[in-house]
Amino acid sequence: MECSTRARLSLAALIMMLLSNITASASPAGKNGSITPMMSSPPNKVTANGPAGSITQEPEADILPVKGQLSNATAIGSFLDQLTYPSGKSLNILQIGDSHTAGRKFTGAWRSAWQARYGSGGRGMMTVGSPYRGYLTQGVTTSQSPGWRTTDLFDNGASGDRLPLGLSGFTLTANSPFETASLTADTPELMFDKFYLCGLTGPGMGDVSVKLGSTEHHLSFSSHQAGAACFEVQAPSLVQSVNVETLSARPVSLTSWMTQRSTGGVILSNLGVVGARFEHFARTDDKVIEAELRQLKPDLLVVAYGTNEGFLRELDLTKVKSVIINQIARVRQLLGYDVPILLLGPPDVLKPKSKVPSADEPALINSSCVNGMRVPENVSRVRLLQKDLANQEGFAFWDWQGAMGGPCSSVRWVSNSMQMRDYVHFTATGGSLLGTALADDLERAKAERVLK
């Protein structure tokens, strides 16, 4: 079961990497090795008719995201007010979601932009090691020895048999000594002097050695009762790498690790999981995520689901709404305070008409695009639900599809090598553009608060 789960995740990751490479190779390299968008033969004009009229999209050689897609920004005003430099404190952003935020494209650009402006507070919380082939990180390189076994959100065993999971959605377990997991900062800006390691505790659980620069620390996960704990290890100065090694045959189960700088700055922990829906987050364990949340102390929670919900043939919007409300309430309760919430709507995605399930309700838009492609109606319904719910519950909302140019904009993004040929995922260039667009919209909302 564990092998098949890892195989599925690895296959999905490899397909995304292959599509990215194919798409990127179609564009010539610009200065300093950057990718210059290149138009293929111009596709037909794309028109989508909606209740307020029509949207006509002309193919363009250069694609720039549409500004002003953030709504109800007052809901995250307390967070925006903390965006200052130098702040002298860590500003923690926790992001959970699906494959659009699982890698380094979208959130990597957001992280880089804000750490350059407000200071780097560290890489943030991550999955331990490299849980499946094709696992991508930004700014750090991770590895693990072969003896670790992975449990994830999609393991189908009975809940009593599944190892508890934390915010990352992965638990790595070793049952022998000398198994290792390591993390190395790729740039000086992401060097760190604080390291946190979270894992399962209980009777008979094992110990690990943590080598942080020139210092070595011994951590024990043994306790009288089953639960979870996060340990903090500090170095006297900034270091580039950390290595974790098991010390015996007693089990060690690690749920996340985190790097941080004591000088403060922005930390963006992106914990998207390939193929996930928000309902899968409910499979995480209360004790584990409580320990992780209280260690992280997020100043903003970013929730980026919706695409995989919209791909369901049998979509229950009542259930989707309930999951959003209940899981956000759960996080806030375990955290102990009402962390501000930012919902990201799903981006513009397209599917062949033959693979889009028909909806019983009237269409929200005329979602037919070109070449037999169309916007899945259920994705549109989930997006509208999220936006309405944000207004009702006091969340901020960012319209990812709007930033791309609206319905059917994927046609232009694919033609300009900004989106992969699956019309769902993004190339490095396209993902970076959109991540920067989100950062810019948040900056504009902050500036408007200052003017008021």
Protein backbone atom coordinates (compact mmCIF):
# COMPACT_ATOMS: atom_id res chain seq x y z
CA MET A 1 0.00 0.00 0.00
CA GLU A 2 2.77 2.43 0.95
CA CYS A 3 4.70 1.61 -2.21
CA SER A 4 1.70 2.19 -4.46
CA THR A 5 1.00 5.53 -2.79
CA ARG A 6 4.56 6.69 -3.26
CA ALA A 7 4.46 5.44 -6.86
CA ARG A 8 1.33 7.50 -7.54
CA LEU A 9 2.82 10.65 -6.06
CA SER A 10 6.11 10.08 -7.88
CA LEU A 11 4.32 9.53 -11.20
CA ALA A 12 2.33 12.74 -10.77
CA ALA A 13 5.46 14.68 -9.91
CA LEU A 14 7.41 13.23 -12.82
CA ILE A 15 4.62 14.04 -15.28
CA MET A 16 4.61 17.64 -14.04
CA MET A 17 8.41 17.85 -14.40
CA LEU A 18 8.28 16.35 -17.92
CA LEU A 19 5.56 18.72 -19.05
CA SER A 20 7.52 21.64 -17.59
CA ASN A 21 10.67 20.61 -19.45
CA ILE A 22 8.84 20.15 -22.75
CA THR A 23 7.11 23.50 -22.43
CA ALA A 24 10.22 25.36 -21.35
CA SER A 25 12.21 23.93 -24.27
CA ALA A 26 9.81 25.60 -26.69
CA SER A 27 10.97 29.05 -25.54
CA PRO A 28 14.39 30.54 -26.26
CA ALA A 29 16.61 31.50 -23.36
CA GLY A 30 16.85 35.22 -22.68
CA LYS A 31 19.59 37.12 -20.90
CA ASN A 32 21.13 35.45 -17.86
CA GLY A 33 19.48 32.18 -18.82
CA SER A 34 15.92 33.43 -18.29
CA ILE A 35 13.06 32.12 -20.40
CA THR A 36 11.59 34.55 -22.89
CA PRO A 37 7.90 33.88 -23.67
CA MET A 38 7.42 32.87 -27.30
CA MET A 39 4.12 32.77 -29.17
CA SER A 40 3.38 29.75 -31.32
CA SER A 41 1.03 30.13 -34.27
CA PRO A 42 -1.72 32.45 -32.98
CA PRO A 43 -4.74 30.48 -31.82
CA ASN A 44 -8.26 31.62 -32.47
CA LYS A 45 -9.77 34.41 -30.46
CA VAL A 46 -11.21 33.09 -27.20
CA THR A 47 -14.58 34.34 -26.03
CA ALA A 48 -16.46 33.44 -22.87
CA ASN A 49 -19.97 34.82 -22.37
CA GLY A 50 -21.16 35.48 -18.85
CA PRO A 51 -24.02 37.19 -17.05
CA ALA A 52 -22.24 40.57 -17.26
CA GLY A 53 -21.40 40.34 -20.97
CA SER A 54 -18.49 38.74 -22.79
CA ILE A 55 -14.77 38.33 -22.25
CA THR A 56 -12.63 38.43 -25.37
CA GLN A 57 -9.03 37.32 -25.05
CA GLU A 58 -6.52 38.09 -27.79
CA PRO A 59 -3.28 36.06 -27.73
CA GLU A 60 -0.34 38.18 -26.60
CA ALA A 61 3.40 37.71 -26.92
CA ASP A 62 3.91 38.80 -23.33
CA ILE A 63 1.55 37.81 -20.55
CA LEU A 64 1.19 39.99 -17.49
CA PRO A 65 -1.13 38.98 -14.64
CA VAL A 66 -4.20 41.15 -14.05
CA LYS A 67 -3.81 43.30 -10.95
CA GLY A 68 -6.35 43.82 -8.19
CA GLN A 69 -7.61 40.26 -7.56
CA LEU A 70 -7.63 40.50 -3.74
CA SER A 71 -11.02 41.04 -2.11
CA ASN A 72 -12.06 41.55 1.52
CA ALA A 73 -8.48 42.53 2.40
CA THR A 74 -9.63 44.01 5.72
CA ALA A 75 -9.97 40.40 6.96
CA ILE A 76 -6.16 40.12 6.97
CA GLY A 77 -5.47 43.70 7.99
CA SER A 78 -3.72 42.72 11.21
CA PHE A 79 -1.27 40.67 9.16
CA LEU A 80 -0.67 43.36 6.55
CA ASP A 81 0.09 45.88 9.29
CA GLN A 82 3.05 43.72 10.36
CA LEU A 83 4.75 43.93 6.95
CA THR A 84 7.64 46.21 7.88
CA TYR A 85 11.42 46.18 7.54
CA PRO A 86 13.33 45.74 9.66
CA SER A 87 10.79 44.18 11.98
CA GLY A 88 13.13 42.33 14.34
CA LYS A 89 10.57 39.53 14.57
CA SER A 90 9.57 36.56 12.49
CA LEU A 91 6.47 36.93 10.33
CA ASN A 92 5.15 33.44 9.68
CA ILE A 93 2.93 32.53 6.73
CA LEU A 94 1.55 28.98 6.66
CA GLN A 95 0.14 27.76 3.35
CA ILE A 96 -1.69 24.48 2.78
CA GLY A 97 -3.17 23.27 -0.49
CA ASP A 98 -2.81 21.06 -3.56
CA SER A 99 -0.20 20.55 -6.29
CA HIS A 100 -0.33 24.18 -7.44
CA THR A 101 1.50 25.09 -4.24
CA ALA A 102 3.38 21.83 -3.60
CA GLY A 103 6.54 22.81 -5.48
CA ARG A 104 8.72 25.87 -5.77
CA LYS A 105 7.10 27.86 -8.56
CA PHE A 106 4.20 29.90 -7.18
CA THR A 107 5.08 30.15 -3.50
CA GLY A 108 8.81 30.30 -4.28
CA ALA A 109 8.39 33.60 -6.14
CA TRP A 110 6.22 35.02 -3.35
CA ARG A 111 8.80 33.95 -0.75
CA SER A 112 11.74 35.39 -2.69
CA ALA A 113 9.99 38.72 -3.28
CA TRP A 114 9.07 39.29 0.34
CA GLN A 115 12.28 37.99 1.86
CA ALA A 116 14.22 40.35 -0.39
CA ARG A 117 12.02 43.24 0.77
CA TYR A 118 11.35 42.42 4.42
CA GLY A 119 14.26 40.14 5.32
CA SER A 120 14.66 36.38 5.31
CA GLY A 121 13.42 34.65 8.42
CA GLY A 122 14.31 31.18 7.12
CA ARG A 123 12.91 28.54 4.80
CA GLY A 124 10.09 27.54 7.13
CA MET A 125 8.35 24.24 7.79
CA MET A 126 8.75 21.36 5.31
CA THR A 127 8.26 17.65 4.87
CA VAL A 128 11.25 15.76 6.30
CA GLY A 129 13.69 14.42 3.72
CA SER A 130 12.47 13.65 0.22
CA PRO A 131 9.29 11.58 0.61
CA TYR A 132 8.76 10.68 -3.05
CA ARG A 133 10.60 10.85 -6.35
CA GLY A 134 10.13 14.25 -7.95
CA TYR A 135 9.60 16.04 -4.63
CA LEU A 136 10.59 19.69 -5.17
CA THR A 137 11.83 22.30 -2.74
CA GLN A 138 12.88 25.90 -3.22
CA GLY A 139 16.01 27.33 -1.67
CA VAL A 140 17.11 24.13 0.07
CA THR A 141 18.26 20.65 -0.93
CA THR A 142 16.96 17.69 1.04
CA SER A 143 17.80 14.00 1.06
CA GLN A 144 17.29 10.82 3.06
CA SER A 145 18.76 7.33 3.35
CA PRO A 146 16.81 4.36 1.88
CA GLY A 147 15.53 2.99 5.19
CA TRP A 148 12.73 5.48 5.78
CA ARG A 149 9.10 4.43 5.20
CA THR A 150 6.54 7.05 4.16
CA THR A 151 2.95 7.43 5.37
CA ASP A 152 0.82 10.07 3.63
CA LEU A 153 -2.70 11.46 3.35
CA PHE A 154 -3.70 8.90 0.74
CA ASP A 155 -2.85 5.70 2.60
CA ASN A 156 -6.06 3.71 2.51
CA GLY A 157 -5.65 1.61 5.64
CA ALA A 158 -8.03 1.84 8.56
CA SER A 159 -7.56 5.08 10.47
CA GLY A 160 -6.31 3.08 13.47
CA ASP A 161 -3.53 1.57 11.36
CA ARG A 162 -2.40 4.79 9.69
CA LEU A 163 0.42 6.61 11.43
CA PRO A 164 -0.60 10.09 12.63
CA LEU A 165 0.11 12.88 10.16
CA GLY A 166 0.94 16.54 10.63
CA LEU A 167 0.72 19.72 8.57
CA SER A 168 3.00 18.43 5.81
CA GLY A 169 0.78 15.40 5.12
CA PHE A 170 3.75 13.02 5.36
CA THR A 171 5.26 11.00 8.22
CA LEU A 172 8.66 9.35 7.70
CA THR A 173 9.49 6.34 9.90
CA ALA A 174 12.75 4.49 10.46
CA ASN A 175 13.16 1.28 12.47
CA SER A 176 16.93 0.87 12.37
CA PRO A 177 19.99 2.85 13.45
CA PHE A 178 22.09 5.06 11.18
CA GLU A 179 19.18 6.17 8.98
CA THR A 180 19.73 9.80 8.00
CA ALA A 181 17.87 12.82 6.64
CA SER A 182 19.63 16.04 5.71
CA LEU A 183 18.82 19.59 4.66
CA THR A 184 21.19 22.14 3.09
CA ALA A 185 20.49 25.80 2.35
CA ASP A 186 21.20 26.59 -1.30
CA THR A 187 21.88 30.30 -0.76
CA PRO A 188 23.35 32.44 2.05
CA GLU A 189 19.96 34.13 2.48
CA LEU A 190 18.44 30.84 3.68
CA MET A 191 21.20 29.88 6.12
CA PHE A 192 19.79 29.45 9.62
CA ASP A 193 20.64 29.29 13.31
CA LYS A 194 17.44 27.67 14.54
CA PHE A 195 16.20 24.20 13.62
CA TYR A 196 12.95 22.52 14.68
CA LEU A 197 12.20 18.82 14.41
CA CYS A 198 8.68 17.47 14.98
CA GLY A 199 7.67 13.83 15.39
CA LEU A 200 5.57 11.25 17.15
CA THR A 201 6.20 10.50 20.81
CA GLY A 202 5.25 7.54 22.98
CA PRO A 203 6.50 4.51 24.91
CA GLY A 204 9.34 2.77 23.08
CA MET A 205 9.94 5.55 20.56
CA GLY A 206 13.57 6.15 19.58
CA ASP A 207 16.22 8.86 19.69
CA VAL A 208 18.02 10.90 17.06
CA SER A 209 21.22 12.85 16.79
CA VAL A 210 20.96 16.32 15.23
CA LYS A 211 24.17 17.81 13.82
CA LEU A 212 23.69 21.53 13.32
CA GLY A 213 26.90 23.03 12.00
CA SER A 214 29.63 22.24 14.52
CA THR A 215 27.15 21.38 17.29
CA GLU A 216 25.52 18.01 17.98
CA HIS A 217 22.33 17.41 19.97
CA HIS A 218 20.54 14.32 21.25
CA LEU A 219 16.73 14.25 21.06
CA SER A 220 14.45 11.56 22.50
CA PHE A 221 10.91 10.90 21.30
CA SER A 222 10.22 8.47 24.15
CA SER A 223 7.37 9.46 26.47
CA HIS A 224 4.79 7.84 28.75
CA GLN A 225 1.86 8.59 26.43
CA ALA A 226 1.42 8.62 22.68
CA GLY A 227 1.47 12.10 21.22
CA ALA A 228 3.71 14.52 19.33
CA ALA A 229 6.44 17.01 20.10
CA CYS A 230 8.57 19.62 18.37
CA PHE A 231 12.14 20.17 19.50
CA GLU A 232 14.16 23.36 19.02
CA VAL A 233 17.91 23.26 18.40
CA GLN A 234 20.04 26.40 18.11
CA ALA A 235 23.50 27.11 16.71
CA PRO A 236 25.75 29.97 17.89
CA SER A 237 25.89 31.37 14.34
CA LEU A 238 24.32 30.84 10.93
CA VAL A 239 24.87 27.39 9.44
CA GLN A 240 24.21 25.94 6.01
CA SER A 241 23.15 22.37 6.80
CA VAL A 242 21.63 20.01 9.33
CA ASN A 243 21.74 16.23 9.54
CA VAL A 244 19.40 13.96 11.50
CA GLU A 245 20.44 10.36 12.29
CA THR A 246 18.59 7.60 14.14
CA LEU A 247 20.50 6.02 17.03
CA SER A 248 18.82 2.64 17.57
CA ALA A 249 16.30 0.13 16.24
CA ARG A 250 13.49 1.80 18.16
CA PRO A 251 11.06 3.55 15.81
CA VAL A 252 11.43 7.21 14.93
CA SER A 253 8.52 8.89 13.10
CA LEU A 254 9.14 12.44 11.89
CA THR A 255 6.32 14.69 10.67
CA SER A 256 8.10 17.96 9.75
CA TRP A 257 11.20 20.07 10.16
CA MET A 258 11.80 23.79 9.99
CA THR A 259 14.66 26.25 9.62
CA GLN A 260 14.58 29.80 10.96
CA ARG A 261 16.76 32.85 11.63
CA SER A 262 16.81 34.46 15.07
CA THR A 263 17.12 37.92 13.49
CA GLY A 264 13.53 37.74 12.21
CA GLY A 265 12.04 38.28 8.77
CA VAL A 266 9.45 36.63 6.52
CA ILE A 267 8.95 32.86 6.67
CA LEU A 268 6.64 31.21 4.13
CA SER A 269 5.96 27.54 4.80
CA ASN A 270 4.30 26.05 1.71
CA LEU A 271 2.85 22.62 2.43
CA GLY A 272 0.81 21.78 -0.65
CA VAL A 273 0.23 18.09 -1.40
CA VAL A 274 -0.14 16.72 -4.94
CA GLY A 275 -3.71 15.56 -5.58
CA ALA A 276 -5.11 16.89 -2.29
CA ARG A 277 -8.52 18.27 -1.51
CA PHE A 278 -9.26 20.16 1.71
CA GLU A 279 -11.16 17.16 3.03
CA HIS A 280 -7.88 15.21 3.00
CA PHE A 281 -6.46 17.70 5.50
CA ALA A 282 -9.01 16.34 7.97
CA ARG A 283 -6.96 13.12 8.03
CA THR A 284 -4.19 14.88 9.93
CA ASP A 285 -3.88 14.25 13.66
CA ASP A 286 -4.95 16.87 16.21
CA LYS A 287 -2.04 16.23 18.57
CA VAL A 288 0.53 16.46 15.80
CA ILE A 289 -0.73 19.62 14.12
CA GLU A 290 -1.33 21.28 17.50
CA ALA A 291 2.34 20.74 18.38
CA GLU A 292 3.43 22.02 14.95
CA LEU A 293 1.08 24.99 14.91
CA ARG A 294 2.15 26.13 18.35
CA GLN A 295 5.76 25.90 17.29
CA LEU A 296 5.16 27.76 14.02
CA LYS A 297 2.73 30.39 15.42
CA PRO A 298 1.50 31.53 11.98
CA ASP A 299 0.50 35.17 11.44
CA LEU A 300 -1.44 34.21 8.29
CA LEU A 301 -3.01 30.96 7.07
CA VAL A 302 -3.29 30.63 3.28
CA VAL A 303 -5.69 27.92 2.04
CA ALA A 304 -5.22 26.95 -1.62
CA TYR A 305 -7.56 24.11 -2.56
CA GLY A 306 -10.41 23.86 -5.08
CA THR A 307 -9.07 22.42 -8.34
CA ASN A 308 -9.32 18.77 -7.30
CA GLU A 309 -12.71 19.38 -5.70
CA GLY A 310 -13.88 20.83 -9.02
CA PHE A 311 -12.63 17.77 -10.93
CA LEU A 312 -14.97 15.49 -8.97
CA ARG A 313 -17.77 13.99 -11.05
CA GLU A 314 -20.11 14.06 -8.07
CA LEU A 315 -19.57 17.50 -6.51
CA ASP A 316 -21.32 18.20 -3.22
CA LEU A 317 -21.00 21.94 -2.65
CA THR A 318 -22.60 21.64 0.76
CA LYS A 319 -19.82 19.28 1.79
CA VAL A 320 -17.13 21.52 0.29
CA LYS A 321 -18.49 24.47 2.28
CA SER A 322 -18.67 22.45 5.48
CA VAL A 323 -15.08 21.24 5.07
CA ILE A 324 -13.75 24.78 4.59
CA ILE A 325 -15.57 26.12 7.65
CA ASN A 326 -14.83 23.16 9.91
CA GLN A 327 -11.14 22.74 9.04
CA ILE A 328 -10.37 26.43 9.45
CA ALA A 329 -12.19 26.41 12.79
CA ARG A 330 -10.19 23.32 13.77
CA VAL A 331 -6.86 24.99 12.99
CA ARG A 332 -7.84 28.09 14.93
CA GLN A 333 -8.96 26.06 17.93
CA LEU A 334 -5.76 24.01 18.03
CA LEU A 335 -3.68 27.13 17.53
CA GLY A 336 -5.41 29.00 20.32
CA TYR A 337 -6.19 32.21 18.40
CA ASP A 338 -8.08 33.36 15.29
CA VAL A 339 -5.28 33.48 12.74
CA PRO A 340 -6.23 35.63 9.68
CA ILE A 341 -7.28 33.56 6.66
CA LEU A 342 -6.57 34.06 2.96
CA LEU A 343 -8.38 31.76 0.52
CA LEU A 344 -6.85 31.30 -2.94
CA GLY A 345 -9.39 30.35 -5.58
CA PRO A 346 -8.39 27.72 -8.16
CA PRO A 347 -6.60 29.01 -11.27
CA ASP A 348 -8.06 28.83 -14.75
CA VAL A 349 -7.88 25.19 -15.81
CA LEU A 350 -9.23 23.48 -18.91
CA LYS A 351 -10.28 19.95 -19.80
CA PRO A 352 -11.45 18.31 -23.05
CA LYS A 353 -15.23 18.53 -23.34
CA SER A 354 -15.51 14.74 -23.26
CA LYS A 355 -13.82 14.63 -19.84
CA VAL A 356 -15.84 17.40 -18.17
CA PRO A 357 -18.82 16.06 -16.19
CA SER A 358 -22.09 17.76 -16.99
CA ALA A 359 -23.72 19.78 -14.21
CA ASP A 360 -27.42 19.71 -13.34
CA GLU A 361 -27.52 23.46 -12.69
CA PRO A 362 -27.42 26.12 -15.45
CA ALA A 363 -23.90 27.05 -16.50
CA LEU A 364 -22.29 30.01 -14.72
CA ILE A 365 -20.49 30.95 -17.94
CA ASN A 366 -20.33 29.77 -21.52
CA SER A 367 -17.21 27.81 -20.71
CA SER A 368 -16.34 26.52 -24.19
CA CYS A 369 -12.89 27.67 -25.28
CA VAL A 370 -11.04 26.38 -28.37
CA ASN A 371 -9.92 23.03 -29.74
CA GLY A 372 -12.61 21.17 -27.83
CA MET A 373 -11.45 22.49 -24.44
CA ARG A 374 -13.67 23.98 -21.78
CA VAL A 375 -13.58 25.31 -18.23
CA PRO A 376 -14.92 22.60 -15.90
CA GLU A 377 -18.19 23.94 -14.56
CA ASN A 378 -17.62 22.42 -11.13
CA VAL A 379 -14.32 24.28 -10.73
CA SER A 380 -16.21 27.51 -11.42
CA ARG A 381 -18.79 26.59 -8.81
CA VAL A 382 -16.14 25.88 -6.18
CA ARG A 383 -14.46 29.21 -6.92
CA LEU A 384 -17.73 31.13 -6.54
CA LEU A 385 -18.48 29.28 -3.30
CA GLN A 386 -15.06 30.20 -1.90
CA LYS A 387 -15.49 33.86 -2.76
CA ASP A 388 -18.98 34.03 -1.23
CA LEU A 389 -17.83 32.14 1.84
CA ALA A 390 -14.91 34.52 2.32
CA ASN A 391 -17.35 37.43 2.53
CA GLN A 392 -19.63 35.56 4.91
CA GLU A 393 -16.95 34.22 7.26
CA GLY A 394 -14.50 37.11 7.28
CA PHE A 395 -11.73 35.66 5.11
CA ALA A 396 -9.75 37.41 2.39
CA PHE A 397 -9.98 35.95 -1.14
CA TRP A 398 -7.57 36.07 -4.08
CA ASP A 399 -8.97 35.23 -7.53
CA TRP A 400 -6.25 33.16 -9.22
CA GLN A 401 -8.30 32.77 -12.40
CA GLY A 402 -8.90 36.51 -12.50
CA ALA A 403 -5.16 37.14 -12.23
CA MET A 404 -4.66 34.96 -15.32
CA GLY A 405 -7.22 36.94 -17.33
CA GLY A 406 -10.49 35.11 -16.62
CA PRO A 407 -12.19 32.04 -18.13
CA CYS A 408 -10.28 30.33 -20.97
CA SER A 409 -7.12 32.35 -20.25
CA SER A 410 -5.24 29.03 -19.99
CA VAL A 411 -5.19 28.96 -23.80
CA ARG A 412 -2.92 32.01 -23.89
CA TRP A 413 -0.84 30.85 -20.93
CA VAL A 414 -0.14 27.48 -22.58
CA SER A 415 0.62 29.12 -25.94
CA ASN A 416 3.12 31.42 -24.23
CA SER A 417 4.83 28.59 -22.31
CA MET A 418 3.50 29.86 -18.98
CA GLN A 419 1.24 26.89 -18.29
CA MET A 420 1.89 23.22 -18.95
CA ARG A 421 0.20 21.36 -21.77
CA ASP A 422 -2.14 19.67 -19.34
CA TYR A 423 -3.86 23.10 -19.02
CA VAL A 424 -3.75 22.69 -15.23
CA HIS A 425 -0.22 23.15 -13.86
CA PHE A 426 2.29 25.92 -14.47
CA THR A 427 5.80 26.21 -15.81
CA ALA A 428 8.43 27.80 -13.60
CA THR A 429 8.02 31.12 -15.44
CA GLY A 430 4.24 31.16 -15.25
CA GLY A 431 4.11 30.08 -11.63
CA SER A 432 6.64 32.75 -10.70
CA LEU A 433 4.61 35.45 -12.45
CA LEU A 434 1.49 34.51 -10.52
CA GLY A 435 3.25 34.15 -7.18
CA THR A 436 4.67 37.63 -7.65
CA ALA A 437 1.21 38.88 -8.64
CA LEU A 438 -0.23 37.68 -5.34
CA ALA A 439 2.61 39.34 -3.42
CA ASP A 440 2.00 42.59 -5.32
CA ASP A 441 -1.76 42.53 -4.65
CA LEU A 442 -1.07 42.09 -0.95
CA GLU A 443 1.41 44.99 -1.09
CA ARG A 444 -1.24 47.20 -2.69
CA ALA A 445 -3.72 46.28 0.03
CA LYS A 446 -1.13 47.20 2.65
CA ALA A 447 -0.46 50.56 0.94
CA GLU A 448 -4.18 51.33 0.85
CA ARG A 449 -4.39 50.73 4.61
CA VAL A 450 -1.55 53.19 5.17
CA LEU A 451 -3.29 55.84 3.07
CA LYS A 452 -6.50 55.44 5.05
